[in-house]
Amino acid sequence: MASKINTVSIDALISYANNARTHSKKQINQIANSIKKFGFTNPVLVDEKNNVLAGHGRLAAVRLIGWKEVPTLSITHLSAAEKRAYIVADNRLAEKAGWDKQILAIELQALVDLGFDVALTGFDIPEVDVIIGEFSPDNRDDEVDDEPALPEKSSGPAVARPGDMFLLGDHRLLCGNALSAEDFETLMQGEKASVCFTDPPYNVPIGGHVSGLGKTNHREFAMASGEMSDDEFAKFLEQSFSLIAGSCKPGAIAFVCMDWRHIAETTLAGKQIFGDLLNLCVWNKTNASGSFRSCSGTPS
């Protein structure tokens, strides 16, 4: 049976060579941060010869921290076969547990409100945002939808003029120039964004590409609608991205949509302004208009 907790040198502990459970560098770092914050609350389980039965991840984490000793709990009543089975069971059974997402959202929101670093819970910040957002009042299905119906699209001339700003609840929509620092200042009003989602023009003419075979007519973009050279378009993107970056918080994420023709210019401009490319997503349009040469498959 289990004996009392002993403090043992980590050099005296023997990891199980056939441990099937893997730990990424990211997870080891998370465990290390948890130990530094909360302490070593879960002793490493060992047998009578200091072979590790449970706690390989914690052991790797304290090595990363630089500890020389860890608390251990000796388990002496298991046979050789039972030890092998327990090593698997200890990892697998933990995976069987689930989450009450609503209660989890409440707990995570409470930690956020307290200013606690929620990354120490093991959840990544984007995961926390999704979980909390799923159960926010704005997403409750039992609330009556009292939003007014949108009016029919007008066939008349556009009425919005440069400089017009529309207030949509907590949001602001500005009719402006993405190359104008003054327009960014007007829109942001001293605030900084955590996320940017931008779909700049692709420097491709609207006519003959996205006009819907005559059923739908779109006006040409004011800029970058096919009239720019590659160098001009690259500078256009750099200027716009630079203003975006200046309106964002440190560490903000920028999601940029672009067609396949200009992915090189977008990637280069993005690296110069935002830093390293984090990922590339492709919208595989099942009902894309036109042929492959027009717009099927749009990197974002």
C-alpha atoms as a PDB file:
ATOM      1  CA  MET A   1       0.000   0.000   0.000  1.00  0.00           C
ATOM      2  CA  ALA A   2       0.976   3.650  -0.138  1.00  0.00           C
ATOM      3  CA  SER A   3       3.430   4.838   2.494  1.00  0.00           C
ATOM      4  CA  LYS A   4       4.186   8.353   3.706  1.00  0.00           C
ATOM      5  CA  ILE A   5       5.425  11.098   1.417  1.00  0.00           C
ATOM      6  CA  ASN A   6       9.221  11.253   1.062  1.00  0.00           C
ATOM      7  CA  THR A   7      11.452  13.856  -0.549  1.00  0.00           C
ATOM      8  CA  VAL A   8      13.729  12.141  -3.071  1.00  0.00           C
ATOM      9  CA  SER A   9      16.482  13.372  -5.370  1.00  0.00           C
ATOM     10  CA  ILE A  10      15.228  13.451  -8.949  1.00  0.00           C
ATOM     11  CA  ASP A  11      18.454  11.723 -10.003  1.00  0.00           C
ATOM     12  CA  ALA A  12      17.384   8.709  -7.938  1.00  0.00           C
ATOM     13  CA  LEU A  13      14.057   8.372  -9.764  1.00  0.00           C
ATOM     14  CA  ILE A  14      13.817   5.989 -12.720  1.00  0.00           C
ATOM     15  CA  SER A  15      11.400   6.940 -15.503  1.00  0.00           C
ATOM     16  CA  TYR A  16       9.446   4.090 -17.094  1.00  0.00           C
ATOM     17  CA  ALA A  17      11.109   3.415 -20.451  1.00  0.00           C
ATOM     18  CA  ASN A  18       7.866   2.264 -22.081  1.00  0.00           C
ATOM     19  CA  ASN A  19       5.705   5.144 -20.888  1.00  0.00           C
ATOM     20  CA  ALA A  20       3.257   5.659 -23.768  1.00  0.00           C
ATOM     21  CA  ARG A  21       2.098   9.059 -22.541  1.00  0.00           C
ATOM     22  CA  THR A  22       3.787  11.925 -24.368  1.00  0.00           C
ATOM     23  CA  HIS A  23       4.322  15.491 -23.171  1.00  0.00           C
ATOM     24  CA  SER A  24       4.974  18.350 -25.567  1.00  0.00           C
ATOM     25  CA  LYS A  25       7.403  21.138 -24.709  1.00  0.00           C
ATOM     26  CA  LYS A  26       4.420  23.461 -24.419  1.00  0.00           C
ATOM     27  CA  GLN A  27       2.725  21.208 -21.865  1.00  0.00           C
ATOM     28  CA  ILE A  28       5.915  20.777 -19.849  1.00  0.00           C
ATOM     29  CA  ASN A  29       6.198  24.560 -19.689  1.00  0.00           C
ATOM     30  CA  GLN A  30       2.563  24.789 -18.569  1.00  0.00           C
ATOM     31  CA  ILE A  31       3.146  22.218 -15.814  1.00  0.00           C
ATOM     32  CA  ALA A  32       6.297  24.065 -14.740  1.00  0.00           C
ATOM     33  CA  ASN A  33       4.414  27.363 -14.528  1.00  0.00           C
ATOM     34  CA  SER A  34       1.674  25.668 -12.515  1.00  0.00           C
ATOM     35  CA  ILE A  35       4.200  24.214 -10.059  1.00  0.00           C
ATOM     36  CA  LYS A  36       5.902  27.588  -9.650  1.00  0.00           C
ATOM     37  CA  LYS A  37       2.539  29.215  -8.931  1.00  0.00           C
ATOM     38  CA  PHE A  38       0.739  26.582  -6.843  1.00  0.00           C
ATOM     39  CA  GLY A  39       3.614  24.448  -5.555  1.00  0.00           C
ATOM     40  CA  PHE A  40       4.212  20.712  -5.998  1.00  0.00           C
ATOM     41  CA  THR A  41       0.761  19.555  -4.887  1.00  0.00           C
ATOM     42  CA  ASN A  42       0.753  16.053  -6.395  1.00  0.00           C
ATOM     43  CA  PRO A  43       3.626  13.740  -5.372  1.00  0.00           C
ATOM     44  CA  VAL A  44       5.325  11.504  -7.926  1.00  0.00           C
ATOM     45  CA  LEU A  45       4.181   7.904  -7.449  1.00  0.00           C
ATOM     46  CA  VAL A  46       7.045   5.380  -7.301  1.00  0.00           C
ATOM     47  CA  ASP A  47       7.468   1.708  -6.481  1.00  0.00           C
ATOM     48  CA  GLU A  48       9.816   0.216  -3.882  1.00  0.00           C
ATOM     49  CA  LYS A  49      12.795   0.698  -6.250  1.00  0.00           C
ATOM     50  CA  ASN A  50      11.976   4.329  -7.127  1.00  0.00           C
ATOM     51  CA  ASN A  51      10.605   3.419 -10.560  1.00  0.00           C
ATOM     52  CA  VAL A  52       8.147   6.150 -11.558  1.00  0.00           C
ATOM     53  CA  LEU A  53       4.543   4.944 -11.869  1.00  0.00           C
ATOM     54  CA  ALA A  54       2.857   8.333 -12.271  1.00  0.00           C
ATOM     55  CA  GLY A  55       4.231  11.845 -12.611  1.00  0.00           C
ATOM     56  CA  HIS A  56       6.560  11.735 -15.614  1.00  0.00           C
ATOM     57  CA  GLY A  57       5.298  15.120 -16.807  1.00  0.00           C
ATOM     58  CA  ARG A  58       5.747  16.698 -13.378  1.00  0.00           C
ATOM     59  CA  LEU A  59       9.234  15.234 -13.174  1.00  0.00           C
ATOM     60  CA  ALA A  60      10.171  16.750 -16.537  1.00  0.00           C
ATOM     61  CA  ALA A  61       8.739  20.088 -15.387  1.00  0.00           C
ATOM     62  CA  VAL A  62      10.817  20.271 -12.199  1.00  0.00           C
ATOM     63  CA  ARG A  63      13.919  19.388 -14.185  1.00  0.00           C
ATOM     64  CA  LEU A  64      13.087  22.366 -16.397  1.00  0.00           C
ATOM     65  CA  ILE A  65      12.667  24.567 -13.323  1.00  0.00           C
ATOM     66  CA  GLY A  66      15.954  23.332 -11.872  1.00  0.00           C
ATOM     67  CA  TRP A  67      14.725  21.531  -8.782  1.00  0.00           C
ATOM     68  CA  LYS A  68      16.913  18.787  -7.323  1.00  0.00           C
ATOM     69  CA  GLU A  69      14.299  16.992  -5.198  1.00  0.00           C
ATOM     70  CA  VAL A  70      10.584  16.200  -5.377  1.00  0.00           C
ATOM     71  CA  PRO A  71       7.962  14.735  -3.041  1.00  0.00           C
ATOM     72  CA  THR A  72       7.229  11.080  -3.787  1.00  0.00           C
ATOM     73  CA  LEU A  73       4.684   8.551  -2.586  1.00  0.00           C
ATOM     74  CA  SER A  74       5.836   4.927  -2.597  1.00  0.00           C
ATOM     75  CA  ILE A  75       3.384   2.267  -3.832  1.00  0.00           C
ATOM     76  CA  THR A  76       4.553  -1.206  -2.757  1.00  0.00           C
ATOM     77  CA  HIS A  77       1.557  -3.522  -3.106  1.00  0.00           C
ATOM     78  CA  LEU A  78       1.389  -3.883  -6.913  1.00  0.00           C
ATOM     79  CA  SER A  79       2.678  -6.791  -8.967  1.00  0.00           C
ATOM     80  CA  ALA A  80       4.813  -6.182 -12.062  1.00  0.00           C
ATOM     81  CA  ALA A  81       1.770  -6.609 -14.323  1.00  0.00           C
ATOM     82  CA  GLU A  82      -0.347  -4.313 -12.150  1.00  0.00           C
ATOM     83  CA  LYS A  83       2.332  -1.615 -12.300  1.00  0.00           C
ATOM     84  CA  ARG A  84       2.321  -1.679 -16.112  1.00  0.00           C
ATOM     85  CA  ALA A  85      -1.468  -1.549 -16.147  1.00  0.00           C
ATOM     86  CA  TYR A  86      -1.594   1.287 -13.619  1.00  0.00           C
ATOM     87  CA  ILE A  87       0.776   3.466 -15.658  1.00  0.00           C
ATOM     88  CA  VAL A  88      -1.619   3.207 -18.600  1.00  0.00           C
ATOM     89  CA  ALA A  89      -4.777   3.509 -16.478  1.00  0.00           C
ATOM     90  CA  ASP A  90      -3.584   6.584 -14.597  1.00  0.00           C
ATOM     91  CA  ASN A  91      -3.238   8.455 -17.875  1.00  0.00           C
ATOM     92  CA  ARG A  92      -6.214   7.010 -19.728  1.00  0.00           C
ATOM     93  CA  LEU A  93      -8.818   7.352 -16.971  1.00  0.00           C
ATOM     94  CA  ALA A  94      -8.064  11.064 -16.618  1.00  0.00           C
ATOM     95  CA  GLU A  95      -9.005  11.492 -20.278  1.00  0.00           C
ATOM     96  CA  LYS A  96     -12.473  10.048 -19.613  1.00  0.00           C
ATOM     97  CA  ALA A  97     -13.550  13.027 -17.520  1.00  0.00           C
ATOM     98  CA  GLY A  98     -15.610  15.775 -19.134  1.00  0.00           C
ATOM     99  CA  TRP A  99     -16.452  19.406 -18.442  1.00  0.00           C
ATOM    100  CA  ASP A 100     -19.634  21.180 -17.444  1.00  0.00           C
ATOM    101  CA  LYS A 101     -18.999  23.967 -19.935  1.00  0.00           C
ATOM    102  CA  GLN A 102     -21.404  26.422 -18.323  1.00  0.00           C
ATOM    103  CA  ILE A 103     -19.843  26.080 -14.866  1.00  0.00           C
ATOM    104  CA  LEU A 104     -16.378  26.162 -16.434  1.00  0.00           C
ATOM    105  CA  ALA A 105     -17.255  29.413 -18.209  1.00  0.00           C
ATOM    106  CA  ILE A 106     -18.415  30.919 -14.896  1.00  0.00           C
ATOM    107  CA  GLU A 107     -15.196  29.890 -13.148  1.00  0.00           C
ATOM    108  CA  LEU A 108     -12.951  31.170 -15.940  1.00  0.00           C
ATOM    109  CA  GLN A 109     -14.843  34.462 -16.119  1.00  0.00           C
ATOM    110  CA  ALA A 110     -14.461  34.861 -12.348  1.00  0.00           C
ATOM    111  CA  LEU A 111     -10.697  34.353 -12.664  1.00  0.00           C
ATOM    112  CA  VAL A 112     -10.545  36.897 -15.479  1.00  0.00           C
ATOM    113  CA  ASP A 113     -12.501  39.392 -13.365  1.00  0.00           C
ATOM    114  CA  LEU A 114     -10.033  38.852 -10.514  1.00  0.00           C
ATOM    115  CA  GLY A 115      -7.134  39.592 -12.836  1.00  0.00           C
ATOM    116  CA  PHE A 116      -5.750  36.059 -12.465  1.00  0.00           C
ATOM    117  CA  ASP A 117      -3.541  34.625 -15.216  1.00  0.00           C
ATOM    118  CA  VAL A 118      -5.992  32.083 -16.651  1.00  0.00           C
ATOM    119  CA  ALA A 119      -3.217  30.520 -18.746  1.00  0.00           C
ATOM    120  CA  LEU A 120      -2.117  28.849 -15.492  1.00  0.00           C
ATOM    121  CA  THR A 121      -5.292  26.735 -15.631  1.00  0.00           C
ATOM    122  CA  GLY A 122      -3.917  24.899 -18.666  1.00  0.00           C
ATOM    123  CA  PHE A 123      -6.391  26.513 -21.065  1.00  0.00           C
ATOM    124  CA  ASP A 124      -4.959  28.690 -23.819  1.00  0.00           C
ATOM    125  CA  ILE A 125      -6.288  32.248 -24.001  1.00  0.00           C
ATOM    126  CA  PRO A 126      -8.216  31.598 -27.277  1.00  0.00           C
ATOM    127  CA  GLU A 127      -9.851  28.561 -25.620  1.00  0.00           C
ATOM    128  CA  VAL A 128     -10.876  30.692 -22.649  1.00  0.00           C
ATOM    129  CA  ASP A 129     -12.360  33.311 -24.971  1.00  0.00           C
ATOM    130  CA  VAL A 130     -14.418  30.668 -26.806  1.00  0.00           C
ATOM    131  CA  ILE A 131     -15.679  29.001 -23.617  1.00  0.00           C
ATOM    132  CA  ILE A 132     -16.658  32.278 -21.965  1.00  0.00           C
ATOM    133  CA  GLY A 133     -18.143  33.629 -25.185  1.00  0.00           C
ATOM    134  CA  GLU A 134     -20.287  30.524 -25.701  1.00  0.00           C
ATOM    135  CA  PHE A 135     -22.176  31.197 -22.471  1.00  0.00           C
ATOM    136  CA  SER A 136     -22.160  34.993 -22.524  1.00  0.00           C
ATOM    137  CA  PRO A 137     -25.571  36.730 -22.347  1.00  0.00           C
ATOM    138  CA  ASP A 138     -25.236  37.703 -26.006  1.00  0.00           C
ATOM    139  CA  ASN A 139     -25.251  34.025 -27.020  1.00  0.00           C
ATOM    140  CA  ARG A 140     -28.122  32.761 -24.865  1.00  0.00           C
ATOM    141  CA  ASP A 141     -30.786  30.996 -26.904  1.00  0.00           C
ATOM    142  CA  ASP A 142     -33.550  31.639 -24.368  1.00  0.00           C
ATOM    143  CA  GLU A 143     -33.507  35.394 -24.869  1.00  0.00           C
ATOM    144  CA  VAL A 144     -36.041  36.990 -27.178  1.00  0.00           C
ATOM    145  CA  ASP A 145     -34.502  38.244 -30.393  1.00  0.00           C
ATOM    146  CA  ASP A 146     -35.780  41.794 -30.557  1.00  0.00           C
ATOM    147  CA  GLU A 147     -33.360  42.945 -33.237  1.00  0.00           C
ATOM    148  CA  PRO A 148     -35.190  44.784 -36.009  1.00  0.00           C
ATOM    149  CA  ALA A 149     -35.248  43.219 -39.456  1.00  0.00           C
ATOM    150  CA  LEU A 150     -32.711  44.617 -41.886  1.00  0.00           C
ATOM    151  CA  PRO A 151     -34.188  46.822 -44.598  1.00  0.00           C
ATOM    152  CA  GLU A 152     -34.091  45.746 -48.218  1.00  0.00           C
ATOM    153  CA  LYS A 153     -30.951  46.721 -50.075  1.00  0.00           C
ATOM    154  CA  SER A 154     -31.459  50.040 -51.816  1.00  0.00           C
ATOM    155  CA  SER A 155     -30.974  50.196 -55.563  1.00  0.00           C
ATOM    156  CA  GLY A 156     -30.255  53.921 -55.393  1.00  0.00           C
ATOM    157  CA  PRO A 157     -26.923  55.695 -55.085  1.00  0.00           C
ATOM    158  CA  ALA A 158     -24.721  55.261 -52.013  1.00  0.00           C
ATOM    159  CA  VAL A 159     -25.354  57.863 -49.328  1.00  0.00           C
ATOM    160  CA  ALA A 160     -22.348  57.261 -47.045  1.00  0.00           C
ATOM    161  CA  ARG A 161     -19.560  59.754 -47.570  1.00  0.00           C
ATOM    162  CA  PRO A 162     -15.909  59.686 -46.456  1.00  0.00           C
ATOM    163  CA  GLY A 163     -15.756  60.734 -42.831  1.00  0.00           C
ATOM    164  CA  ASP A 164     -19.219  59.405 -41.919  1.00  0.00           C
ATOM    165  CA  MET A 165     -19.164  57.239 -38.800  1.00  0.00           C
ATOM    166  CA  PHE A 166     -22.033  54.955 -37.793  1.00  0.00           C
ATOM    167  CA  LEU A 167     -22.581  53.870 -34.180  1.00  0.00           C
ATOM    168  CA  LEU A 168     -23.824  50.272 -33.996  1.00  0.00           C
ATOM    169  CA  GLY A 169     -24.363  49.572 -30.309  1.00  0.00           C
ATOM    170  CA  ASP A 170     -20.857  49.299 -28.846  1.00  0.00           C
ATOM    171  CA  HIS A 171     -19.308  49.257 -32.312  1.00  0.00           C
ATOM    172  CA  ARG A 172     -18.151  51.975 -34.681  1.00  0.00           C
ATOM    173  CA  LEU A 173     -18.192  51.785 -38.489  1.00  0.00           C
ATOM    174  CA  LEU A 174     -16.257  54.440 -40.378  1.00  0.00           C
ATOM    175  CA  CYS A 175     -16.467  55.229 -44.066  1.00  0.00           C
ATOM    176  CA  GLY A 176     -12.831  56.106 -44.539  1.00  0.00           C
ATOM    177  CA  ASN A 177      -9.452  55.428 -46.068  1.00  0.00           C
ATOM    178  CA  ALA A 178      -7.387  52.474 -44.826  1.00  0.00           C
ATOM    179  CA  LEU A 179      -4.262  54.444 -45.798  1.00  0.00           C
ATOM    180  CA  SER A 180      -5.174  57.458 -43.649  1.00  0.00           C
ATOM    181  CA  ALA A 181      -3.705  57.756 -40.156  1.00  0.00           C
ATOM    182  CA  GLU A 182      -6.326  60.401 -39.343  1.00  0.00           C
ATOM    183  CA  ASP A 183      -9.142  57.992 -40.194  1.00  0.00           C
ATOM    184  CA  PHE A 184      -7.633  55.336 -37.917  1.00  0.00           C
ATOM    185  CA  GLU A 185      -7.456  57.885 -35.087  1.00  0.00           C
ATOM    186  CA  THR A 186     -11.083  58.890 -35.703  1.00  0.00           C
ATOM    187  CA  LEU A 187     -12.233  55.277 -35.643  1.00  0.00           C
ATOM    188  CA  MET A 188     -10.190  54.004 -32.685  1.00  0.00           C
ATOM    189  CA  GLN A 189     -10.563  57.102 -30.469  1.00  0.00           C
ATOM    190  CA  GLY A 190      -7.475  56.240 -28.472  1.00  0.00           C
ATOM    191  CA  GLU A 191      -8.346  52.564 -28.028  1.00  0.00           C
ATOM    192  CA  LYS A 192      -6.137  49.664 -29.125  1.00  0.00           C
ATOM    193  CA  ALA A 193      -7.427  46.487 -30.765  1.00  0.00           C
ATOM    194  CA  SER A 194      -6.620  42.937 -29.635  1.00  0.00           C
ATOM    195  CA  VAL A 195      -7.580  41.394 -32.983  1.00  0.00           C
ATOM    196  CA  CYS A 196      -7.765  42.653 -36.544  1.00  0.00           C
ATOM    197  CA  PHE A 197      -9.713  41.002 -39.362  1.00  0.00           C
ATOM    198  CA  THR A 198      -9.081  42.685 -42.686  1.00  0.00           C
ATOM    199  CA  ASP A 199     -10.060  41.819 -46.249  1.00  0.00           C
ATOM    200  CA  PRO A 200      -8.160  44.330 -48.407  1.00  0.00           C
ATOM    201  CA  PRO A 201      -8.811  44.612 -52.137  1.00  0.00           C
ATOM    202  CA  TYR A 202      -6.907  42.013 -54.156  1.00  0.00           C
ATOM    203  CA  ASN A 203      -5.710  44.344 -56.931  1.00  0.00           C
ATOM    204  CA  VAL A 204      -7.995  42.392 -59.271  1.00  0.00           C
ATOM    205  CA  PRO A 205     -10.697  44.116 -61.370  1.00  0.00           C
ATOM    206  CA  ILE A 206     -14.237  43.450 -60.156  1.00  0.00           C
ATOM    207  CA  GLY A 207     -15.585  43.385 -63.703  1.00  0.00           C
ATOM    208  CA  GLY A 208     -15.158  39.940 -65.227  1.00  0.00           C
ATOM    209  CA  HIS A 209     -14.132  38.327 -61.945  1.00  0.00           C
ATOM    210  CA  VAL A 210     -16.844  38.633 -59.278  1.00  0.00           C
ATOM    211  CA  SER A 211     -19.800  40.130 -61.116  1.00  0.00           C
ATOM    212  CA  GLY A 212     -21.958  37.006 -60.992  1.00  0.00           C
ATOM    213  CA  LEU A 213     -22.479  36.661 -64.770  1.00  0.00           C
ATOM    214  CA  GLY A 214     -24.479  39.876 -64.851  1.00  0.00           C
ATOM    215  CA  LYS A 215     -26.946  38.973 -62.083  1.00  0.00           C
ATOM    216  CA  THR A 216     -25.060  40.963 -59.461  1.00  0.00           C
ATOM    217  CA  ASN A 217     -23.101  44.095 -60.208  1.00  0.00           C
ATOM    218  CA  HIS A 218     -20.435  45.358 -57.835  1.00  0.00           C
ATOM    219  CA  ARG A 219     -18.641  48.647 -58.148  1.00  0.00           C
ATOM    220  CA  GLU A 220     -14.880  48.695 -58.543  1.00  0.00           C
ATOM    221  CA  PHE A 221     -12.823  49.337 -55.426  1.00  0.00           C
ATOM    222  CA  ALA A 222     -11.565  52.887 -54.984  1.00  0.00           C
ATOM    223  CA  MET A 223      -7.986  51.561 -54.939  1.00  0.00           C
ATOM    224  CA  ALA A 224      -6.166  48.318 -55.758  1.00  0.00           C
ATOM    225  CA  SER A 225      -8.797  47.177 -58.220  1.00  0.00           C
ATOM    226  CA  GLY A 226      -6.343  45.932 -60.816  1.00  0.00           C
ATOM    227  CA  GLU A 227      -4.614  49.201 -61.646  1.00  0.00           C
ATOM    228  CA  MET A 228      -1.489  48.701 -59.489  1.00  0.00           C
ATOM    229  CA  SER A 229       1.797  47.026 -60.369  1.00  0.00           C
ATOM    230  CA  ASP A 230       3.131  44.313 -58.054  1.00  0.00           C
ATOM    231  CA  ASP A 231       5.472  46.789 -56.355  1.00  0.00           C
ATOM    232  CA  GLU A 232       2.717  49.375 -55.960  1.00  0.00           C
ATOM    233  CA  PHE A 233       0.368  46.808 -54.459  1.00  0.00           C
ATOM    234  CA  ALA A 234       3.054  45.594 -52.033  1.00  0.00           C
ATOM    235  CA  LYS A 235       3.590  49.183 -50.838  1.00  0.00           C
ATOM    236  CA  PHE A 236      -0.188  49.619 -50.576  1.00  0.00           C
ATOM    237  CA  LEU A 237      -0.405  46.605 -48.257  1.00  0.00           C
ATOM    238  CA  GLU A 238       2.599  47.698 -46.205  1.00  0.00           C
ATOM    239  CA  GLN A 239       1.099  51.140 -45.629  1.00  0.00           C
ATOM    240  CA  SER A 240      -2.263  49.723 -44.599  1.00  0.00           C
ATOM    241  CA  PHE A 241      -0.720  47.026 -42.379  1.00  0.00           C
ATOM    242  CA  SER A 242       1.504  49.609 -40.695  1.00  0.00           C
ATOM    243  CA  LEU A 243      -1.513  51.697 -39.680  1.00  0.00           C
ATOM    244  CA  ILE A 244      -3.320  48.576 -38.479  1.00  0.00           C
ATOM    245  CA  ALA A 245      -0.328  47.524 -36.363  1.00  0.00           C
ATOM    246  CA  GLY A 246      -0.160  50.998 -34.852  1.00  0.00           C
ATOM    247  CA  SER A 247      -3.782  50.670 -33.750  1.00  0.00           C
ATOM    248  CA  CYS A 248      -3.306  47.267 -32.091  1.00  0.00           C
ATOM    249  CA  LYS A 249      -2.082  46.150 -28.691  1.00  0.00           C
ATOM    250  CA  PRO A 250       1.265  44.315 -28.405  1.00  0.00           C
ATOM    251  CA  GLY A 251       0.708  40.661 -29.275  1.00  0.00           C
ATOM    252  CA  ALA A 252      -2.499  41.319 -31.220  1.00  0.00           C
ATOM    253  CA  ILE A 253      -3.414  38.870 -33.984  1.00  0.00           C
ATOM    254  CA  ALA A 254      -4.122  40.049 -37.535  1.00  0.00           C
ATOM    255  CA  PHE A 255      -6.286  37.888 -39.796  1.00  0.00           C
ATOM    256  CA  VAL A 256      -5.721  38.977 -43.405  1.00  0.00           C
ATOM    257  CA  CYS A 257      -7.720  37.681 -46.383  1.00  0.00           C
ATOM    258  CA  MET A 258      -6.149  37.597 -49.843  1.00  0.00           C
ATOM    259  CA  ASP A 259      -6.533  35.770 -53.152  1.00  0.00           C
ATOM    260  CA  TRP A 260      -3.969  33.222 -54.314  1.00  0.00           C
ATOM    261  CA  ARG A 261      -2.417  35.585 -56.849  1.00  0.00           C
ATOM    262  CA  HIS A 262      -1.115  37.985 -54.229  1.00  0.00           C
ATOM    263  CA  ILE A 263      -0.310  35.690 -51.321  1.00  0.00           C
ATOM    264  CA  ALA A 264       3.413  36.419 -51.797  1.00  0.00           C
ATOM    265  CA  GLU A 265       2.991  40.198 -51.488  1.00  0.00           C
ATOM    266  CA  THR A 266       0.690  39.764 -48.503  1.00  0.00           C
ATOM    267  CA  THR A 267       3.044  37.381 -46.694  1.00  0.00           C
ATOM    268  CA  LEU A 268       6.061  39.618 -47.295  1.00  0.00           C
ATOM    269  CA  ALA A 269       4.263  42.781 -46.173  1.00  0.00           C
ATOM    270  CA  GLY A 270       2.799  40.968 -43.188  1.00  0.00           C
ATOM    271  CA  LYS A 271       6.191  39.686 -42.046  1.00  0.00           C
ATOM    272  CA  GLN A 272       7.725  43.152 -42.311  1.00  0.00           C
ATOM    273  CA  ILE A 273       4.931  44.808 -40.327  1.00  0.00           C
ATOM    274  CA  PHE A 274       3.385  42.151 -38.063  1.00  0.00           C
ATOM    275  CA  GLY A 275       6.226  39.657 -37.676  1.00  0.00           C
ATOM    276  CA  ASP A 276       6.201  35.921 -38.322  1.00  0.00           C
ATOM    277  CA  LEU A 277       3.332  34.237 -40.173  1.00  0.00           C
ATOM    278  CA  LEU A 278       1.431  32.128 -37.633  1.00  0.00           C
ATOM    279  CA  ASN A 279      -0.715  30.048 -39.974  1.00  0.00           C
ATOM    280  CA  LEU A 280      -2.304  29.864 -43.407  1.00  0.00           C
ATOM    281  CA  CYS A 281      -5.956  28.916 -43.922  1.00  0.00           C
ATOM    282  CA  VAL A 282      -7.502  28.267 -47.337  1.00  0.00           C
ATOM    283  CA  TRP A 283     -11.212  28.775 -47.977  1.00  0.00           C
ATOM    284  CA  ASN A 284     -12.082  25.868 -50.255  1.00  0.00           C
ATOM    285  CA  LYS A 285     -15.191  27.329 -51.860  1.00  0.00           C
ATOM    286  CA  THR A 286     -17.556  24.599 -52.990  1.00  0.00           C
ATOM    287  CA  ASN A 287     -19.579  27.082 -55.031  1.00  0.00           C
ATOM    288  CA  ALA A 288     -16.850  29.464 -56.086  1.00  0.00           C
ATOM    289  CA  SER A 289     -17.706  31.855 -58.879  1.00  0.00           C
ATOM    290  CA  GLY A 290     -15.643  31.543 -62.033  1.00  0.00           C
ATOM    291  CA  SER A 291     -12.838  29.097 -62.703  1.00  0.00           C
ATOM    292  CA  PHE A 292      -9.634  28.309 -60.845  1.00  0.00           C
ATOM    293  CA  ARG A 293      -8.137  31.325 -62.560  1.00  0.00           C
ATOM    294  CA  SER A 294     -10.690  33.648 -60.984  1.00  0.00           C
ATOM    295  CA  CYS A 295     -11.222  33.010 -57.285  1.00  0.00           C
ATOM    296  CA  SER A 296     -11.636  29.368 -56.223  1.00  0.00           C
ATOM    297  CA  GLY A 297      -9.539  28.792 -53.130  1.00  0.00           C
ATOM    298  CA  THR A 298      -8.829  31.977 -51.215  1.00  0.00           C
ATOM    299  CA  PRO A 299      -5.993  32.013 -48.655  1.00  0.00           C
ATOM    300  CA  SER A 300      -6.864  33.888 -45.479  1.00  0.00           C
END
